[in-house]
Protein backbone atom coordinates (compact mmCIF):
# COMPACT_ATOMS: atom_id res chain seq x y z
CA UNK A 1 0.16 0.07 -0.09
CA UNK A 2 0.90 3.62 -1.02
CA UNK A 3 1.39 6.64 2.14
CA UNK A 4 1.70 3.94 4.83
CA UNK A 5 4.64 5.36 6.86
CA UNK A 6 2.08 7.45 9.10
CA UNK A 7 -1.09 8.21 10.13
CA UNK A 8 -4.39 6.43 8.36
CA UNK A 9 -1.65 4.53 6.14
CA UNK A 10 0.37 3.30 8.80
CA UNK A 11 -2.96 2.35 10.88
CA UNK A 12 -4.12 0.29 7.68
CA UNK A 13 -0.82 -1.17 7.02
CA UNK A 14 -0.32 -2.51 10.77
CA UNK A 15 -4.04 -3.87 10.57
CA UNK A 16 -3.73 -6.11 6.96
CA UNK A 17 -0.27 -7.25 9.00
CA UNK A 18 -2.29 -8.64 11.71
CA UNK A 19 -4.88 -10.12 9.70
CA UNK A 20 -1.75 -11.96 8.14
CA UNK A 21 -1.17 -10.17 5.01
CA UNK A 22 2.12 -9.78 3.54
CA UNK A 23 2.08 -6.02 2.88
CA UNK A 24 4.44 -3.36 1.11
CA UNK A 25 4.77 -0.51 3.26
CA UNK A 26 5.50 2.23 0.52
CA UNK A 27 6.02 6.04 1.57
CA UNK A 28 8.55 8.42 0.47
CA UNK A 29 9.73 9.10 3.82
CA UNK A 30 11.72 6.05 3.80
CA UNK A 31 12.55 5.90 7.91
CA UNK A 32 9.11 6.22 8.44
CA UNK A 33 8.39 3.03 6.24
CA UNK A 34 11.26 1.12 7.82
CA UNK A 35 9.59 1.95 11.32
CA UNK A 36 6.51 0.52 10.15
CA UNK A 37 7.84 -2.30 8.90
CA UNK A 38 10.11 -2.84 12.05
CA UNK A 39 6.46 -2.77 14.26
CA UNK A 40 4.37 -4.90 11.44
CA UNK A 41 7.43 -7.75 11.64
CA UNK A 42 6.97 -7.46 15.84
CA UNK A 43 3.55 -8.91 14.97
CA UNK A 44 4.67 -11.83 13.24
CA UNK A 45 4.14 -10.38 9.66
CA UNK A 46 6.09 -10.78 6.63
CA UNK A 47 6.59 -6.82 5.53
CA UNK A 48 8.77 -5.14 3.45
CA UNK A 49 9.54 -1.55 2.61
CA UNK A 50 9.25 0.78 -0.07
CA UNK A 51 10.19 4.45 -0.53
CA UNK A 52 9.03 5.24 -4.61
CA UNK A 53 7.75 8.59 -4.38
CA UNK A 54 4.15 7.98 -5.84
CA UNK A 55 3.23 10.10 -8.94
CA UNK A 56 4.67 8.87 -12.08
CA UNK A 57 4.47 5.40 -13.81
CA UNK A 58 8.17 4.45 -13.26
CA UNK A 59 7.33 4.72 -9.42
CA UNK A 60 4.13 2.75 -9.88
CA UNK A 61 6.09 -0.26 -11.60
CA UNK A 62 8.71 0.22 -8.57
CA UNK A 63 6.04 -0.40 -5.92
CA UNK A 64 4.93 -3.20 -7.76
CA UNK A 65 8.47 -4.67 -8.24
CA UNK A 66 8.77 -4.71 -4.57
CA UNK A 67 5.74 -6.58 -4.02
CA UNK A 68 6.53 -9.46 -6.47
CA UNK A 69 10.34 -9.70 -5.68
CA UNK A 70 9.04 -9.72 -2.11
CA UNK A 71 6.28 -12.19 -2.19
CA UNK A 72 5.87 -13.47 -5.66
CA UNK A 73 2.25 -11.98 -6.29
CA UNK A 74 0.21 -9.34 -5.19
CA UNK A 75 -3.57 -9.73 -4.66
CA UNK A 76 -4.53 -5.73 -2.84
CA UNK A 77 -3.46 -2.17 -4.08
CA UNK A 78 -3.81 0.42 -1.86
CA UNK A 79 -3.67 3.94 -3.07
CA UNK A 80 -3.35 5.87 -0.16
CA UNK A 81 -0.59 8.44 -0.72
CA UNK A 82 -1.27 11.93 -0.55
CA UNK A 83 0.38 15.92 0.15
CA UNK A 84 -1.69 19.16 0.72
CA UNK A 85 -0.70 22.32 -0.67
CA UNK A 86 -4.06 24.30 0.38
CA UNK A 87 -4.28 27.57 -1.17
CA UNK A 88 -7.37 29.66 -2.41
CA UNK A 89 -7.88 29.82 -6.00
CA UNK A 90 -6.06 33.02 -6.79
CA UNK A 91 -3.08 32.29 -4.11
CA UNK A 92 -2.63 28.74 -5.97
CA UNK A 93 0.65 28.53 -7.89
CA UNK A 94 0.72 25.87 -10.91
CA UNK A 95 3.17 23.84 -8.96
CA UNK A 96 0.98 23.91 -5.88
CA UNK A 97 -1.98 22.52 -8.51
CA UNK A 98 0.70 20.16 -10.21
CA UNK A 99 2.10 18.31 -6.97
CA UNK A 100 -1.46 17.32 -5.46
CA UNK A 101 -2.62 16.06 -8.86
CA UNK A 102 0.76 14.52 -9.47
CA UNK A 103 0.53 12.73 -6.26
CA UNK A 104 -3.27 11.88 -5.46
CA UNK A 105 -4.41 11.48 -9.09
CA UNK A 106 -2.09 10.36 -11.40
CA UNK A 107 -0.57 8.35 -8.57
CA UNK A 108 -3.61 6.25 -8.05
CA UNK A 109 -4.06 6.10 -11.32
CA UNK A 110 -0.22 4.86 -12.19
CA UNK A 111 -0.60 2.01 -9.34
CA UNK A 112 -3.84 1.01 -10.60
CA UNK A 113 -2.32 0.70 -14.25
CA UNK A 114 0.93 -0.94 -12.93
CA UNK A 115 -1.02 -4.16 -10.93
CA UNK A 116 -3.70 -4.49 -13.57
CA UNK A 117 -1.29 -5.34 -16.23
CA UNK A 118 0.00 -7.61 -14.07
CA UNK A 119 -3.52 -9.08 -13.05
CA UNK A 120 -5.27 -9.29 -16.31
CA UNK A 121 -3.62 -12.44 -17.73
CA UNK A 122 -3.86 -13.89 -14.70
CA UNK A 123 -7.33 -13.41 -13.91
CA UNK A 124 -8.49 -14.43 -17.19
CA UNK A 125 -7.23 -17.61 -16.94
CA UNK A 126 -8.82 -18.37 -13.66
CA UNK A 127 -12.12 -17.01 -15.33
CA UNK A 128 -13.72 -15.39 -12.19
CA UNK A 129 -12.84 -17.70 -9.56
CA UNK A 130 -10.44 -15.55 -7.38
CA UNK A 131 -10.97 -11.86 -6.37
CA UNK A 132 -8.64 -9.05 -6.21
CA UNK A 133 -8.89 -5.72 -4.73
CA UNK A 134 -7.82 -2.13 -5.38
CA UNK A 135 -8.97 0.29 -2.37
CA UNK A 136 -8.44 3.71 -3.36
CA UNK A 137 -8.88 6.56 -1.03
CA UNK A 138 -11.06 9.76 -1.61
CA UNK A 139 -12.24 12.44 0.93
CA UNK A 140 -15.16 14.62 2.29
CA UNK A 141 -13.20 17.40 -0.11
CA UNK A 142 -13.69 14.81 -3.11
CA UNK A 143 -17.69 14.25 -2.48
CA UNK A 144 -18.50 18.02 -1.36
CA UNK A 145 -15.55 20.18 -2.30
CA UNK A 146 -13.92 22.47 -0.19
CA UNK A 147 -12.90 26.36 0.25
CA UNK A 148 -9.09 26.43 -0.20
CA UNK A 149 -8.57 22.88 -1.64
CA UNK A 150 -9.27 23.55 -5.51
CA UNK A 151 -6.18 21.08 -6.02
CA UNK A 152 -6.99 18.62 -3.32
CA UNK A 153 -10.65 18.51 -4.23
CA UNK A 154 -10.11 17.75 -8.09
CA UNK A 155 -7.96 15.19 -7.33
CA UNK A 156 -9.84 13.26 -4.59
CA UNK A 157 -13.12 13.91 -7.17
CA UNK A 158 -11.33 11.85 -9.64
CA UNK A 159 -10.42 9.25 -7.64
CA UNK A 160 -13.84 8.63 -7.50
CA UNK A 161 -14.47 8.84 -10.94
CA UNK A 162 -11.18 6.19 -11.46
CA UNK A 163 -13.25 4.08 -8.90
CA UNK A 164 -16.47 4.12 -10.59
CA UNK A 165 -14.90 3.70 -13.91
CA UNK A 166 -12.29 0.38 -12.79
CA UNK A 167 -15.39 -1.30 -11.23
CA UNK A 168 -16.99 -1.12 -14.44
CA UNK A 169 -13.82 -1.89 -16.58
CA UNK A 170 -12.45 -4.73 -14.23
CA UNK A 171 -15.74 -6.56 -12.79
CA UNK A 172 -15.70 -9.26 -15.56
CA UNK A 173 -12.08 -9.85 -14.46
CA UNK A 174 -12.98 -10.19 -10.68
CA UNK A 175 -11.26 -7.42 -9.93
CA UNK A 176 -13.25 -5.36 -7.10
CA UNK A 177 -12.62 -1.51 -6.85
CA UNK A 178 -14.05 0.89 -4.08
CA UNK A 179 -12.96 3.81 -2.16
CA UNK A 180 -12.95 5.06 1.18
CA UNK A 181 -13.73 8.69 2.11
CA UNK A 182 -12.15 8.68 5.79
CA UNK A 183 -11.99 11.41 8.44
CA UNK A 184 -9.02 11.21 11.06
CA UNK A 185 -6.93 13.06 12.99
CA UNK A 186 -3.27 12.76 11.41
CA UNK A 187 -0.23 14.77 10.89
CA UNK A 188 -2.34 16.12 7.63
CA UNK A 189 -5.41 17.47 9.91
CA UNK A 190 -4.10 18.08 13.14
CA UNK A 191 -2.93 21.83 11.80
CA UNK A 192 -6.58 22.67 11.13
CA UNK A 193 -7.25 22.67 14.81
CA UNK A 194 -4.56 24.78 15.84
CA UNK A 195 -6.79 27.84 16.78
CA UNK A 196 -9.46 27.20 18.93
CA UNK A 197 -12.25 29.13 17.21
CA UNK A 198 -11.92 27.29 13.84
CA UNK A 199 -11.18 24.05 15.70
CA UNK A 200 -14.54 24.53 17.24
CA UNK A 201 -16.36 25.59 14.13
CA UNK A 202 -14.72 22.51 11.99
CA UNK A 203 -15.42 19.82 14.76
CA UNK A 204 -19.18 21.14 14.83
CA UNK A 205 -19.76 19.59 10.98
CA UNK A 206 -19.30 16.25 12.59
CA UNK A 207 -22.29 14.80 14.16
CA UNK A 208 -20.27 12.47 16.32
CA UNK A 209 -18.09 15.92 17.17
CA UNK A 210 -14.88 14.36 16.40
CA UNK A 211 -12.27 13.41 13.70
CA UNK A 212 -11.64 9.90 14.21
CA UNK A 213 -8.52 7.91 14.81
CA UNK A 214 -6.55 6.21 12.33
CA UNK A 215 -7.16 2.98 14.19
CA UNK A 216 -11.02 3.56 13.91
CA UNK A 217 -10.54 3.88 9.96
CA UNK A 218 -8.59 0.95 9.23
CA UNK A 219 -11.13 -1.73 9.45
CA UNK A 220 -12.70 -0.43 6.67
CA UNK A 221 -10.18 -0.88 4.91
CA UNK A 222 -9.70 -4.64 5.81
CA UNK A 223 -13.23 -5.09 4.81
CA UNK A 224 -12.90 -4.21 1.30
CA UNK A 225 -9.67 -6.26 0.84
CA UNK A 226 -11.37 -9.32 2.31
CA UNK A 227 -13.51 -11.92 0.62
CA UNK A 228 -16.39 -10.47 2.50
CA UNK A 229 -16.54 -7.89 0.04
CA UNK A 230 -16.64 -10.04 -2.86
CA UNK A 231 -20.03 -8.71 -4.06
CA UNK A 232 -19.03 -5.18 -3.19
CA UNK A 233 -17.83 -2.64 -6.17
CA UNK A 234 -17.53 0.65 -7.42
CA UNK A 235 -18.88 2.09 -4.08
CA UNK A 236 -17.36 5.14 -1.78
CA UNK A 237 -17.68 3.94 1.72
CA UNK A 238 -17.38 7.38 4.17
CA UNK A 239 -16.17 6.66 7.69
CA UNK A 240 -16.00 10.18 8.67
CA UNK A 241 -18.13 10.47 12.01
CA UNK A 242 -21.25 11.58 9.76
CA UNK A 243 -19.32 14.59 8.02
CA UNK A 244 -20.46 13.78 4.70
CA UNK A 245 -24.57 13.06 5.06
């Protein structure tokens, strides 16, 4: 899975490891990835680190090679890597826009492309007897928009489009494609709560009154990666305390 060095990605990687999965922990921060690998190995899991910088076809193929070299095959792809470059439209630079679109949207597309190219010949031989899973990560911004996030919202809305399109394209190959829209307190969201009045207004948007913890988000990914979700595809699962209702 991509972007697994901290926050939601870390929690998902550790949840997968606890369930007995073999996990590639990808993160551009190589040290963060190694720390997650060490924690997962302490739980008895087979885990390997990968530091490819998500956002290109070469990086996506590099992550796939890491998985195949370490484990011989891959059954689940989780696209979680992401960055923020928040600015109001009139202040947003081309670099800010391109960076966010590149990591979130192009990165998701490139990783999906790489793994599906590997899966297609296998799936055709199996004739639907084995399900494989792609779980993408969108957000509330990708479903409703958000002031100051035209780059991020566009990328996350685009990921919803990829999810639904891939579900239609890949269903005949028994490849399920879904997305999770989480709202958790992480290094990306903590700065939003530093000013008391703004924090109060932001938390008031949640019927449950708070951001979730990463470990509360992870079970949704475990479900969508498991055999229990074999008849679920093309869906966006909001795990957000009621933020998007």
